[in-house]
């Protein structure tokens, strides 16, 4: 019986993570993966973007934001759609102005009511969709 207790104690101690080992490798992979810092990822095209509000979204006034891509995208290949998934409809079309260097001003953004919305950003080639990403937000 004494040997069984000693054996179990040694077995349990052997399962512990030694202090000299580094933390989980997932943390290290996130630091080495440049896409882990990507706010809006377009997986198929391997393009990263970020959205910066110039005028915060409300249901009572027009809003505006800037989209910044890590790649050059022609303005005619970009589409932005305001969509309210819970209601199954969108809002009026937005206007897009190219600022050069993969930056776009998106204005005439009007959320017709408060609630859960998505900003659907679509990358297309002619009329075919190449990739898309959805940015969820709650409009007050």
N, C-alpha and C. Protein backbone atom coordinates (compact mmCIF):
# COMPACT_ATOMS: atom_id res chain seq x y z
N UNK A 1 0.82 -1.19 0.00
CA UNK A 1 0.00 0.00 0.00
C UNK A 1 0.86 1.25 0.00
N UNK A 2 1.96 1.20 0.78
CA UNK A 2 2.88 2.33 0.86
C UNK A 2 3.48 2.63 -0.51
N UNK A 3 3.82 1.60 -1.24
CA UNK A 3 4.41 1.79 -2.56
C UNK A 3 3.40 2.35 -3.55
N UNK A 4 2.14 1.98 -3.40
CA UNK A 4 1.09 2.48 -4.27
C UNK A 4 0.89 3.99 -4.08
N UNK A 5 0.92 4.45 -2.84
CA UNK A 5 0.77 5.88 -2.54
C UNK A 5 1.95 6.67 -3.10
N UNK A 6 3.15 6.15 -2.93
CA UNK A 6 4.35 6.80 -3.47
C UNK A 6 4.27 6.85 -4.99
N UNK A 7 3.83 5.76 -5.62
CA UNK A 7 3.72 5.70 -7.07
C UNK A 7 2.71 6.74 -7.57
N UNK A 8 1.54 6.84 -6.91
CA UNK A 8 0.52 7.81 -7.31
C UNK A 8 1.01 9.24 -7.12
N UNK A 9 1.72 9.50 -6.04
CA UNK A 9 2.26 10.84 -5.79
C UNK A 9 3.26 11.23 -6.88
N UNK A 10 4.13 10.32 -7.25
CA UNK A 10 5.10 10.60 -8.30
C UNK A 10 4.43 10.79 -9.66
N UNK A 11 3.40 10.01 -9.92
CA UNK A 11 2.68 10.13 -11.19
C UNK A 11 2.00 11.48 -11.30
N UNK A 12 1.37 11.93 -10.22
CA UNK A 12 0.70 13.23 -10.24
C UNK A 12 1.69 14.38 -10.38
N UNK A 13 2.83 14.27 -9.76
CA UNK A 13 3.86 15.32 -9.86
C UNK A 13 4.42 15.39 -11.27
N UNK A 14 4.49 14.28 -11.95
CA UNK A 14 5.06 14.24 -13.30
C UNK A 14 4.16 14.92 -14.32
N UNK A 15 2.88 15.12 -13.99
CA UNK A 15 1.95 15.73 -14.93
C UNK A 15 2.00 17.25 -14.90
N UNK A 16 2.61 17.84 -13.92
CA UNK A 16 2.65 19.30 -13.81
C UNK A 16 3.56 19.89 -14.87
N UNK A 17 3.26 21.11 -15.31
CA UNK A 17 4.10 21.81 -16.28
C UNK A 17 5.29 22.38 -15.54
N UNK A 18 6.49 22.03 -15.96
CA UNK A 18 7.68 22.57 -15.29
C UNK A 18 7.75 24.09 -15.44
N UNK A 19 8.27 24.77 -14.43
CA UNK A 19 8.37 26.22 -14.45
C UNK A 19 9.32 26.75 -15.51
N UNK A 20 10.25 25.93 -15.96
CA UNK A 20 11.25 26.40 -16.91
C UNK A 20 10.75 26.37 -18.36
N UNK A 21 9.56 25.79 -18.61
CA UNK A 21 9.03 25.77 -19.97
C UNK A 21 8.34 27.09 -20.28
N UNK A 22 8.40 27.56 -21.53
CA UNK A 22 7.71 28.80 -21.88
C UNK A 22 6.21 28.61 -21.83
N UNK A 23 5.49 29.72 -21.82
CA UNK A 23 4.03 29.67 -21.84
C UNK A 23 3.55 29.01 -23.12
N UNK A 24 2.27 28.80 -23.23
CA UNK A 24 1.69 28.11 -24.38
C UNK A 24 2.16 28.75 -25.68
N UNK A 25 2.38 27.91 -26.68
CA UNK A 25 2.92 28.41 -27.95
C UNK A 25 1.91 29.27 -28.70
N UNK A 26 0.64 29.16 -28.41
CA UNK A 26 -0.36 29.99 -29.10
C UNK A 26 -0.08 31.47 -28.89
N UNK A 27 0.35 31.85 -27.71
CA UNK A 27 0.68 33.25 -27.45
C UNK A 27 1.84 33.68 -28.32
N UNK A 28 2.86 32.84 -28.41
CA UNK A 28 4.01 33.18 -29.24
C UNK A 28 3.63 33.25 -30.71
N UNK A 29 2.74 32.36 -31.17
CA UNK A 29 2.32 32.40 -32.56
C UNK A 29 1.55 33.67 -32.87
N UNK A 30 0.73 34.16 -31.93
CA UNK A 30 -0.02 35.39 -32.16
C UNK A 30 0.92 36.57 -32.36
N UNK A 31 2.02 36.59 -31.61
CA UNK A 31 2.96 37.70 -31.74
C UNK A 31 3.69 37.65 -33.08
N UNK A 32 3.91 36.44 -33.62
CA UNK A 32 4.63 36.29 -34.88
C UNK A 32 3.70 36.36 -36.09
N UNK A 33 2.40 36.26 -35.89
CA UNK A 33 1.44 36.27 -36.98
C UNK A 33 0.96 37.70 -37.21
N UNK A 34 1.33 38.33 -38.33
CA UNK A 34 0.93 39.72 -38.55
C UNK A 34 -0.57 39.89 -38.66
N UNK A 35 -1.30 38.85 -39.05
CA UNK A 35 -2.75 38.98 -39.18
C UNK A 35 -3.46 38.93 -37.84
N UNK A 36 -2.77 38.56 -36.77
CA UNK A 36 -3.42 38.55 -35.46
C UNK A 36 -3.75 39.98 -35.02
N UNK A 37 -3.09 40.97 -35.60
CA UNK A 37 -3.36 42.37 -35.29
C UNK A 37 -4.32 43.00 -36.30
N UNK A 38 -4.88 42.19 -37.17
CA UNK A 38 -5.75 42.68 -38.23
C UNK A 38 -7.16 42.88 -37.70
N UNK A 39 -7.67 44.10 -37.80
CA UNK A 39 -9.02 44.40 -37.32
C UNK A 39 -10.09 43.78 -38.22
N UNK A 40 -9.91 43.88 -39.53
CA UNK A 40 -10.86 43.34 -40.50
C UNK A 40 -10.05 42.50 -41.49
N UNK A 41 -10.25 41.19 -41.45
CA UNK A 41 -9.46 40.28 -42.29
C UNK A 41 -10.30 39.75 -43.44
N UNK A 42 -9.77 39.87 -44.64
CA UNK A 42 -10.35 39.27 -45.83
C UNK A 42 -9.52 38.03 -46.13
N UNK A 43 -9.99 36.86 -45.67
CA UNK A 43 -9.23 35.61 -45.71
C UNK A 43 -8.83 35.19 -47.11
N UNK A 44 -9.76 35.20 -48.05
CA UNK A 44 -9.48 34.69 -49.40
C UNK A 44 -8.41 35.52 -50.10
N UNK A 45 -8.47 36.83 -49.93
CA UNK A 45 -7.55 37.72 -50.62
C UNK A 45 -6.31 38.06 -49.77
N UNK A 46 -6.31 37.61 -48.52
CA UNK A 46 -5.20 37.88 -47.60
C UNK A 46 -4.93 39.39 -47.48
N UNK A 47 -6.02 40.12 -47.27
CA UNK A 47 -5.97 41.57 -47.14
C UNK A 47 -6.49 41.95 -45.77
N UNK A 48 -5.86 42.94 -45.17
CA UNK A 48 -6.23 43.42 -43.85
C UNK A 48 -6.72 44.86 -43.98
N UNK A 49 -7.70 45.22 -43.15
CA UNK A 49 -8.22 46.59 -43.17
C UNK A 49 -8.57 47.03 -41.76
N UNK A 50 -8.73 48.32 -41.61
CA UNK A 50 -9.21 48.87 -40.34
C UNK A 50 -10.23 49.95 -40.66
N UNK A 51 -11.16 50.15 -39.73
CA UNK A 51 -12.22 51.13 -39.88
C UNK A 51 -12.06 52.16 -38.78
N UNK A 52 -11.97 53.44 -39.18
CA UNK A 52 -11.81 54.54 -38.22
C UNK A 52 -12.99 55.50 -38.37
N UNK A 53 -13.75 55.65 -37.30
CA UNK A 53 -14.90 56.55 -37.34
C UNK A 53 -14.44 58.01 -37.32
N UNK A 54 -14.96 58.80 -38.23
CA UNK A 54 -14.74 60.25 -38.26
C UNK A 54 -15.92 60.96 -37.59
N UNK A 55 -17.11 60.40 -37.78
CA UNK A 55 -18.32 60.85 -37.10
C UNK A 55 -19.00 59.58 -36.60
N UNK A 56 -19.15 59.46 -35.29
CA UNK A 56 -19.67 58.24 -34.67
C UNK A 56 -21.06 57.88 -35.18
N UNK A 57 -21.35 56.58 -35.24
CA UNK A 57 -22.66 56.15 -35.75
C UNK A 57 -23.80 56.47 -34.78
N UNK A 58 -24.88 57.00 -35.31
CA UNK A 58 -26.11 57.24 -34.56
C UNK A 58 -27.28 56.96 -35.49
N UNK A 59 -28.46 56.88 -34.92
CA UNK A 59 -29.65 56.68 -35.75
C UNK A 59 -30.34 58.00 -36.07
N UNK A 60 -29.72 59.10 -35.70
CA UNK A 60 -30.35 60.41 -35.91
C UNK A 60 -29.58 61.33 -36.85
N UNK A 61 -28.39 60.93 -37.24
CA UNK A 61 -27.57 61.81 -38.07
C UNK A 61 -26.67 60.99 -38.98
N UNK A 62 -26.14 61.61 -40.00
CA UNK A 62 -25.22 60.94 -40.91
C UNK A 62 -23.88 60.71 -40.20
N UNK A 63 -23.25 59.61 -40.53
CA UNK A 63 -21.94 59.26 -39.98
C UNK A 63 -20.94 59.17 -41.11
N UNK A 64 -19.68 59.04 -40.71
CA UNK A 64 -18.60 58.93 -41.69
C UNK A 64 -17.46 58.13 -41.08
N UNK A 65 -16.81 57.30 -41.92
CA UNK A 65 -15.63 56.57 -41.46
C UNK A 65 -14.62 56.43 -42.58
N UNK A 66 -13.43 56.06 -42.19
CA UNK A 66 -12.35 55.82 -43.14
C UNK A 66 -11.99 54.35 -43.11
N UNK A 67 -11.84 53.76 -44.27
CA UNK A 67 -11.36 52.39 -44.40
C UNK A 67 -9.92 52.44 -44.89
N UNK A 68 -9.04 51.73 -44.18
CA UNK A 68 -7.63 51.68 -44.57
C UNK A 68 -7.24 50.23 -44.82
N UNK A 69 -6.78 49.95 -46.02
CA UNK A 69 -6.37 48.61 -46.42
C UNK A 69 -4.85 48.52 -46.47
N UNK A 70 -4.32 47.32 -46.28
CA UNK A 70 -2.87 47.11 -46.40
C UNK A 70 -2.48 46.77 -47.83
N UNK A 71 -3.39 46.98 -48.76
CA UNK A 71 -3.14 46.72 -50.17
C UNK A 71 -3.86 47.78 -50.99
N UNK A 72 -3.40 47.95 -52.21
CA UNK A 72 -4.04 48.90 -53.11
C UNK A 72 -5.29 48.26 -53.70
N UNK A 73 -6.41 48.96 -53.57
CA UNK A 73 -7.69 48.45 -54.06
C UNK A 73 -8.33 49.55 -54.90
N UNK A 74 -8.69 49.26 -56.15
CA UNK A 74 -9.39 50.27 -56.95
C UNK A 74 -10.76 50.56 -56.35
N UNK A 75 -11.16 51.81 -56.38
CA UNK A 75 -12.45 52.22 -55.79
C UNK A 75 -13.62 51.45 -56.39
N UNK A 76 -13.55 51.13 -57.67
CA UNK A 76 -14.65 50.41 -58.30
C UNK A 76 -14.75 48.95 -57.83
N UNK A 77 -13.72 48.46 -57.13
CA UNK A 77 -13.74 47.09 -56.61
C UNK A 77 -14.18 47.01 -55.15
N UNK A 78 -14.63 48.13 -54.60
CA UNK A 78 -15.03 48.18 -53.20
C UNK A 78 -16.50 48.54 -53.08
N UNK A 79 -17.19 47.81 -52.23
CA UNK A 79 -18.59 48.08 -51.96
C UNK A 79 -18.81 48.02 -50.45
N UNK A 80 -19.60 48.95 -49.91
CA UNK A 80 -19.91 48.98 -48.48
C UNK A 80 -21.43 49.02 -48.35
N UNK A 81 -21.95 48.07 -47.58
CA UNK A 81 -23.40 47.93 -47.40
C UNK A 81 -23.72 47.98 -45.91
N UNK A 82 -24.68 48.79 -45.54
CA UNK A 82 -25.17 48.84 -44.16
C UNK A 82 -26.32 47.84 -44.06
N UNK A 83 -26.22 46.89 -43.13
CA UNK A 83 -27.21 45.82 -43.05
C UNK A 83 -27.64 45.59 -41.60
N UNK A 84 -28.94 45.46 -41.38
CA UNK A 84 -29.49 45.17 -40.06
C UNK A 84 -30.00 43.72 -40.08
N UNK A 85 -29.16 42.77 -39.60
CA UNK A 85 -29.52 41.36 -39.72
C UNK A 85 -30.81 40.97 -39.01
N UNK A 86 -31.08 41.55 -37.86
CA UNK A 86 -32.27 41.17 -37.10
C UNK A 86 -33.56 41.59 -37.80
N UNK A 87 -33.48 42.59 -38.65
CA UNK A 87 -34.67 43.08 -39.36
C UNK A 87 -34.68 42.64 -40.82
N UNK A 88 -33.56 42.13 -41.32
CA UNK A 88 -33.49 41.64 -42.70
C UNK A 88 -33.51 42.73 -43.75
N UNK A 89 -32.99 43.91 -43.42
CA UNK A 89 -32.93 44.99 -44.41
C UNK A 89 -31.70 45.85 -44.16
N UNK A 90 -31.43 46.70 -45.12
CA UNK A 90 -30.30 47.61 -45.01
C UNK A 90 -30.76 49.04 -44.88
N UNK A 91 -29.89 49.93 -45.29
CA UNK A 91 -30.17 51.36 -45.24
C UNK A 91 -29.84 51.94 -46.61
N UNK A 92 -29.90 53.24 -46.71
CA UNK A 92 -29.60 53.89 -47.98
C UNK A 92 -28.13 53.66 -48.35
N UNK A 93 -27.83 53.67 -49.65
CA UNK A 93 -26.44 53.44 -50.08
C UNK A 93 -25.48 54.51 -49.56
N UNK A 94 -24.27 54.09 -49.26
CA UNK A 94 -23.24 55.02 -48.82
C UNK A 94 -22.47 55.54 -50.03
N UNK A 95 -21.68 56.56 -49.83
CA UNK A 95 -20.80 57.07 -50.88
C UNK A 95 -19.37 56.75 -50.48
N UNK A 96 -18.54 56.41 -51.48
CA UNK A 96 -17.15 56.04 -51.23
C UNK A 96 -16.25 56.93 -52.07
N UNK A 97 -15.24 57.50 -51.42
CA UNK A 97 -14.27 58.36 -52.09
C UNK A 97 -12.87 57.80 -51.82
N UNK A 98 -12.11 57.58 -52.88
CA UNK A 98 -10.74 57.10 -52.71
C UNK A 98 -9.84 58.23 -52.25
N UNK A 99 -9.04 57.95 -51.22
CA UNK A 99 -8.06 58.92 -50.71
C UNK A 99 -6.64 58.54 -51.14
N UNK A 100 -6.51 57.44 -51.90
CA UNK A 100 -5.21 56.96 -52.35
C UNK A 100 -4.55 56.09 -51.30
N UNK A 101 -3.56 55.32 -51.71
CA UNK A 101 -2.78 54.45 -50.83
C UNK A 101 -3.65 53.47 -50.03
N UNK A 102 -4.71 52.93 -50.63
CA UNK A 102 -5.56 51.96 -49.96
C UNK A 102 -6.47 52.55 -48.90
N UNK A 103 -6.67 53.88 -48.95
CA UNK A 103 -7.55 54.55 -47.98
C UNK A 103 -8.80 55.06 -48.69
N UNK A 104 -9.93 54.93 -47.99
CA UNK A 104 -11.21 55.36 -48.55
C UNK A 104 -12.02 56.10 -47.50
N UNK A 105 -12.65 57.16 -47.94
CA UNK A 105 -13.61 57.89 -47.10
C UNK A 105 -14.99 57.33 -47.43
N UNK A 106 -15.70 56.85 -46.40
CA UNK A 106 -17.05 56.33 -46.59
C UNK A 106 -17.98 57.30 -45.86
N UNK A 107 -18.85 57.96 -46.61
CA UNK A 107 -19.72 58.97 -46.03
C UNK A 107 -21.15 58.77 -46.51
N UNK A 108 -22.04 59.64 -46.08
CA UNK A 108 -23.47 59.47 -46.32
C UNK A 108 -23.94 58.17 -45.66
N UNK A 109 -23.33 57.85 -44.51
CA UNK A 109 -23.65 56.65 -43.75
C UNK A 109 -24.80 56.99 -42.81
N UNK A 110 -25.95 56.35 -43.04
CA UNK A 110 -27.12 56.65 -42.22
C UNK A 110 -27.78 55.36 -41.77
N UNK A 111 -27.79 55.15 -40.46
CA UNK A 111 -28.45 54.00 -39.87
C UNK A 111 -29.87 54.44 -39.54
N UNK A 112 -30.86 53.84 -40.18
CA UNK A 112 -32.23 54.34 -40.12
C UNK A 112 -32.94 54.09 -38.79
N UNK A 113 -32.35 53.26 -37.92
CA UNK A 113 -32.93 53.02 -36.60
C UNK A 113 -31.85 52.48 -35.67
N UNK A 114 -32.05 52.62 -34.37
CA UNK A 114 -31.08 52.05 -33.43
C UNK A 114 -31.16 50.53 -33.44
N UNK A 115 -30.07 49.89 -33.01
CA UNK A 115 -30.05 48.43 -32.92
C UNK A 115 -28.76 47.83 -33.42
N UNK A 116 -28.80 46.51 -33.64
CA UNK A 116 -27.63 45.77 -34.14
C UNK A 116 -27.52 45.94 -35.65
N UNK A 117 -26.34 46.33 -36.10
CA UNK A 117 -26.06 46.53 -37.51
C UNK A 117 -24.78 45.81 -37.90
N UNK A 118 -24.59 45.66 -39.20
CA UNK A 118 -23.33 45.18 -39.76
C UNK A 118 -22.92 46.13 -40.87
N UNK A 119 -21.63 46.39 -40.92
CA UNK A 119 -21.07 47.08 -42.08
C UNK A 119 -20.45 45.97 -42.92
N UNK A 120 -21.03 45.72 -44.07
CA UNK A 120 -20.55 44.65 -44.95
C UNK A 120 -19.64 45.28 -45.99
N UNK A 121 -18.39 44.86 -45.95
CA UNK A 121 -17.38 45.39 -46.87
C UNK A 121 -17.09 44.29 -47.88
N UNK A 122 -17.32 44.60 -49.15
CA UNK A 122 -17.20 43.61 -50.21
C UNK A 122 -16.10 44.02 -51.19
N UNK A 123 -15.20 43.09 -51.46
CA UNK A 123 -14.18 43.28 -52.49
C UNK A 123 -14.64 42.50 -53.71
N UNK A 124 -14.67 43.16 -54.84
CA UNK A 124 -15.19 42.52 -56.04
C UNK A 124 -14.27 42.79 -57.23
N UNK A 125 -14.45 41.99 -58.26
CA UNK A 125 -13.74 42.15 -59.52
C UNK A 125 -14.81 42.16 -60.59
N UNK A 126 -15.01 43.27 -61.22
CA UNK A 126 -16.17 43.48 -62.10
C UNK A 126 -17.42 43.31 -61.25
N UNK A 127 -18.20 42.26 -61.48
CA UNK A 127 -19.41 42.04 -60.70
C UNK A 127 -19.30 40.83 -59.77
N UNK A 128 -18.22 40.08 -59.85
CA UNK A 128 -18.04 38.89 -59.01
C UNK A 128 -17.45 39.28 -57.66
N UNK A 129 -17.98 38.70 -56.59
CA UNK A 129 -17.45 38.95 -55.25
C UNK A 129 -16.19 38.12 -55.04
N UNK A 130 -15.08 38.79 -54.69
CA UNK A 130 -13.82 38.10 -54.40
C UNK A 130 -13.74 37.72 -52.93
N UNK A 131 -14.17 38.63 -52.06
CA UNK A 131 -14.08 38.41 -50.62
C UNK A 131 -14.97 39.43 -49.93
N UNK A 132 -15.32 39.13 -48.67
CA UNK A 132 -16.11 40.09 -47.90
C UNK A 132 -15.86 39.90 -46.42
N UNK A 133 -16.14 40.95 -45.68
CA UNK A 133 -16.01 40.92 -44.22
C UNK A 133 -17.16 41.73 -43.64
N UNK A 134 -17.59 41.35 -42.44
CA UNK A 134 -18.69 42.04 -41.76
C UNK A 134 -18.17 42.63 -40.46
N UNK A 135 -18.49 43.87 -40.23
CA UNK A 135 -18.11 44.55 -38.99
C UNK A 135 -19.40 44.79 -38.20
N UNK A 136 -19.59 44.06 -37.08
CA UNK A 136 -20.80 44.27 -36.29
C UNK A 136 -20.70 45.52 -35.43
N UNK A 137 -21.83 46.18 -35.20
CA UNK A 137 -21.86 47.32 -34.29
C UNK A 137 -23.28 47.52 -33.78
N UNK A 138 -23.39 48.20 -32.67
CA UNK A 138 -24.69 48.55 -32.09
C UNK A 138 -24.84 50.06 -32.22
N UNK A 139 -25.90 50.48 -32.87
CA UNK A 139 -26.16 51.90 -33.08
C UNK A 139 -27.14 52.39 -32.02
N UNK A 140 -26.76 53.44 -31.28
CA UNK A 140 -27.67 53.96 -30.25
C UNK A 140 -28.83 54.75 -30.85
